[in-house]
């Protein structure tokens, strides 16, 4: 089992959540569910899943937090749920980890050297490429006059590094990264 916490944001996800969690069974040490006050049986399902996971040495913790926006909810989950594992990742409740990727995470994640950093008193662990990409994202945000790092800054940061899976996918799709970067920073106007 990997020293990994999987954060899943939910709102009425009783139909999807089990499949997502089960795709990590035996791999993730902990699941953190940050729920936006579901009106279905998501909370009851989480209690049942936690009971099942505890039998194999894992756990699922259910939290509720009022929805503001995606970033706020995820950041709340990262900072308010006492995550102590070396690694954490986010999944959507309607996503599942494919078997070959689950096996690769289980085999390789423990051998990846991470780099620790601190941001506003919180410890953050990055792989070397992620650390470079996040540094570039912060630099990009500052260049564009933003006081916060937004998802597009992360993408632009990855494009600047010319490394990583996102860059490789864009290259494979023959998408010119300079054009993409320009369109992200200079959106076109449409006039009706």
Protein backbone atom coordinates (compact mmCIF):
# COMPACT_ATOMS: atom_id res chain seq x y z
CA UNK A 1 0.00 0.00 0.00
CA UNK A 2 1.32 3.45 -0.97
CA UNK A 3 1.53 6.31 1.55
CA UNK A 4 -1.15 8.11 -0.47
CA UNK A 5 -4.30 10.06 0.32
CA UNK A 6 -6.91 10.40 -2.42
CA UNK A 7 -9.11 13.49 -2.12
CA UNK A 8 -12.54 13.23 -3.72
CA UNK A 9 -14.97 16.14 -3.86
CA UNK A 10 -18.60 15.05 -3.85
CA UNK A 11 -22.16 16.30 -4.22
CA UNK A 12 -24.75 13.56 -4.67
CA UNK A 13 -22.25 10.98 -5.93
CA UNK A 14 -23.79 7.79 -4.51
CA UNK A 15 -23.88 6.24 -8.00
CA UNK A 16 -20.21 6.88 -8.82
CA UNK A 17 -18.21 6.94 -5.61
CA UNK A 18 -17.86 3.21 -4.94
CA UNK A 19 -16.31 2.52 -8.34
CA UNK A 20 -13.81 5.35 -7.88
CA UNK A 21 -12.74 4.22 -4.40
CA UNK A 22 -12.57 0.56 -5.38
CA UNK A 23 -10.22 1.37 -8.25
CA UNK A 24 -7.67 2.37 -5.56
CA UNK A 25 -8.36 -0.57 -3.21
CA UNK A 26 -5.12 -1.86 -1.73
CA UNK A 27 -3.14 1.07 -3.12
CA UNK A 28 -4.25 4.22 -1.26
CA UNK A 29 -3.75 4.44 2.49
CA UNK A 30 -6.50 7.01 2.98
CA UNK A 31 -9.44 8.58 1.19
CA UNK A 32 -10.72 12.04 2.09
CA UNK A 33 -14.22 12.81 0.90
CA UNK A 34 -15.11 16.52 0.95
CA UNK A 35 -18.84 16.63 0.44
CA UNK A 36 -20.96 19.67 -0.39
CA UNK A 37 -23.94 18.56 1.72
CA UNK A 38 -25.29 15.82 -0.54
CA UNK A 39 -29.00 15.05 -0.36
CA UNK A 40 -28.62 11.45 -1.56
CA UNK A 41 -26.99 8.57 0.35
CA UNK A 42 -23.37 9.62 -0.27
CA UNK A 43 -22.65 9.95 3.46
CA UNK A 44 -24.07 6.51 4.29
CA UNK A 45 -22.09 4.97 1.43
CA UNK A 46 -18.91 6.56 2.82
CA UNK A 47 -19.51 4.96 6.22
CA UNK A 48 -19.94 1.57 4.56
CA UNK A 49 -16.84 2.04 2.38
CA UNK A 50 -14.78 3.06 5.42
CA UNK A 51 -15.81 -0.11 7.22
CA UNK A 52 -14.76 -2.20 4.21
CA UNK A 53 -11.47 -0.34 3.74
CA UNK A 54 -10.47 -0.68 7.39
CA UNK A 55 -10.38 -4.45 6.93
CA UNK A 56 -7.48 -4.01 4.49
CA UNK A 57 -5.62 -1.31 6.43
CA UNK A 58 -7.01 1.74 4.64
CA UNK A 59 -9.56 4.35 5.69
CA UNK A 60 -12.11 6.76 4.31
CA UNK A 61 -12.90 9.98 6.15
CA UNK A 62 -16.04 11.96 5.33
CA UNK A 63 -16.12 15.75 5.73
CA UNK A 64 -18.68 18.35 4.74
CA UNK A 65 -17.91 21.87 3.62
CA UNK A 66 -20.13 24.45 1.94
CA UNK A 67 -19.38 24.76 -1.77
CA UNK A 68 -17.88 28.07 -2.89
CA UNK A 69 -15.89 26.97 -5.92
CA UNK A 70 -13.73 24.05 -6.96
CA UNK A 71 -10.38 25.51 -5.87
CA UNK A 72 -11.72 26.57 -2.47
CA UNK A 73 -13.20 23.13 -1.83
CA UNK A 74 -10.01 21.33 -2.84
CA UNK A 75 -7.82 23.66 -0.79
CA UNK A 76 -10.12 23.16 2.19
CA UNK A 77 -9.68 19.41 1.79
CA UNK A 78 -5.90 19.73 1.59
CA UNK A 79 -5.60 21.97 4.64
CA UNK A 80 -8.43 21.00 6.98
CA UNK A 81 -8.45 17.18 6.96
CA UNK A 82 -5.12 16.36 8.60
CA UNK A 83 -3.45 14.73 5.62
CA UNK A 84 -0.21 13.16 6.85
CA UNK A 85 0.65 10.84 3.97
CA UNK A 86 3.68 11.60 1.83
CA UNK A 87 1.55 11.80 -1.32
CA UNK A 88 -1.91 13.13 -2.08
CA UNK A 89 -3.91 13.31 -5.27
CA UNK A 90 -7.34 14.44 -6.36
CA UNK A 91 -9.91 12.41 -8.24
CA UNK A 92 -13.43 13.17 -9.36
CA UNK A 93 -16.02 10.76 -8.02
CA UNK A 94 -16.97 9.70 -11.54
CA UNK A 95 -13.38 8.82 -12.43
CA UNK A 96 -11.62 5.54 -11.78
CA UNK A 97 -8.03 4.44 -11.83
CA UNK A 98 -7.36 1.98 -14.62
CA UNK A 99 -5.79 -1.29 -13.49
CA UNK A 100 -2.45 -0.78 -15.25
CA UNK A 101 -2.07 2.72 -13.78
CA UNK A 102 -3.02 1.44 -10.33
CA UNK A 103 -0.32 -1.21 -10.60
CA UNK A 104 2.23 1.36 -11.77
CA UNK A 105 1.39 3.71 -8.87
CA UNK A 106 1.70 0.83 -6.43
CA UNK A 107 5.07 -0.26 -7.85
CA UNK A 108 6.73 3.08 -8.61
CA UNK A 109 5.41 5.84 -6.35
CA UNK A 110 7.39 4.68 -3.34
CA UNK A 111 10.60 4.94 -5.38
CA UNK A 112 10.05 8.50 -6.65
CA UNK A 113 12.09 11.04 -4.80
CA UNK A 114 9.97 13.93 -3.71
CA UNK A 115 10.97 17.45 -2.87
CA UNK A 116 9.44 19.17 0.11
CA UNK A 117 8.57 22.82 0.21
CA UNK A 118 6.59 25.06 2.47
CA UNK A 119 3.90 27.49 1.43
CA UNK A 120 2.22 29.71 4.00
CA UNK A 121 3.29 27.32 6.75
CA UNK A 122 1.93 24.23 5.00
CA UNK A 123 4.20 21.46 3.79
CA UNK A 124 3.90 20.62 0.11
CA UNK A 125 5.64 17.67 -1.54
CA UNK A 126 6.50 17.78 -5.24
CA UNK A 127 8.19 15.43 -7.62
CA UNK A 128 11.11 17.22 -9.30
CA UNK A 129 9.15 17.92 -12.52
CA UNK A 130 6.08 19.08 -10.61
CA UNK A 131 8.21 21.42 -8.51
CA UNK A 132 9.63 22.98 -11.69
CA UNK A 133 6.17 23.26 -13.27
CA UNK A 134 4.66 24.86 -10.15
CA UNK A 135 7.57 27.30 -9.94
CA UNK A 136 6.92 28.23 -13.56
CA UNK A 137 3.18 28.53 -12.84
CA UNK A 138 3.85 30.94 -9.99
CA UNK A 139 6.20 32.94 -12.21
CA UNK A 140 3.56 33.00 -14.98
CA UNK A 141 0.86 34.15 -12.55
CA UNK A 142 3.09 37.01 -11.40
CA UNK A 143 3.91 37.95 -15.01
CA UNK A 144 0.19 38.14 -15.79
CA UNK A 145 -0.50 40.24 -12.69
CA UNK A 146 -2.34 37.55 -10.73
CA UNK A 147 -1.94 37.13 -7.00
CA UNK A 148 -3.12 33.50 -7.14
CA UNK A 149 -2.10 30.53 -9.27
CA UNK A 150 -4.99 29.47 -11.49
CA UNK A 151 -5.23 26.23 -13.52
CA UNK A 152 -4.23 28.03 -16.71
CA UNK A 153 -1.05 29.23 -15.00
CA UNK A 154 -0.17 25.62 -14.22
CA UNK A 155 -0.68 24.64 -17.87
CA UNK A 156 1.40 27.59 -19.02
CA UNK A 157 4.06 26.64 -16.47
CA UNK A 158 4.19 23.10 -17.88
CA UNK A 159 4.44 24.47 -21.39
CA UNK A 160 7.38 26.66 -20.36
CA UNK A 161 9.28 23.69 -18.91
CA UNK A 162 8.83 21.74 -22.15
CA UNK A 163 8.60 18.59 -20.02
CA UNK A 164 6.00 16.35 -18.52
CA UNK A 165 2.98 14.41 -19.68
CA UNK A 166 0.90 17.50 -20.60
CA UNK A 167 3.68 18.80 -22.85
CA UNK A 168 4.18 15.34 -24.39
CA UNK A 169 0.45 15.00 -25.13
CA UNK A 170 0.29 18.42 -26.78
CA UNK A 171 3.38 17.58 -28.82
CA UNK A 172 1.88 14.22 -29.87
CA UNK A 173 -1.33 15.99 -30.92
CA UNK A 174 0.78 18.47 -32.89
CA UNK A 175 -0.62 21.41 -30.94
CA UNK A 176 1.85 24.26 -31.04
CA UNK A 177 2.48 25.23 -27.45
CA UNK A 178 3.28 28.85 -28.33
CA UNK A 179 -0.13 29.22 -30.01
CA UNK A 180 -1.85 27.61 -27.03
CA UNK A 181 -0.02 29.83 -24.57
CA UNK A 182 -0.94 32.91 -26.60
CA UNK A 183 -4.62 31.93 -26.77
CA UNK A 184 -4.70 31.35 -23.01
CA UNK A 185 -3.23 34.73 -22.19
CA UNK A 186 -4.94 36.69 -25.02
CA UNK A 187 -8.51 35.32 -25.40
CA UNK A 188 -10.23 36.23 -28.64
CA UNK A 189 -13.26 38.50 -28.64
CA UNK A 190 -16.43 37.61 -30.45
CA UNK A 191 -18.76 40.38 -31.50
CA UNK A 192 -22.36 39.62 -32.35
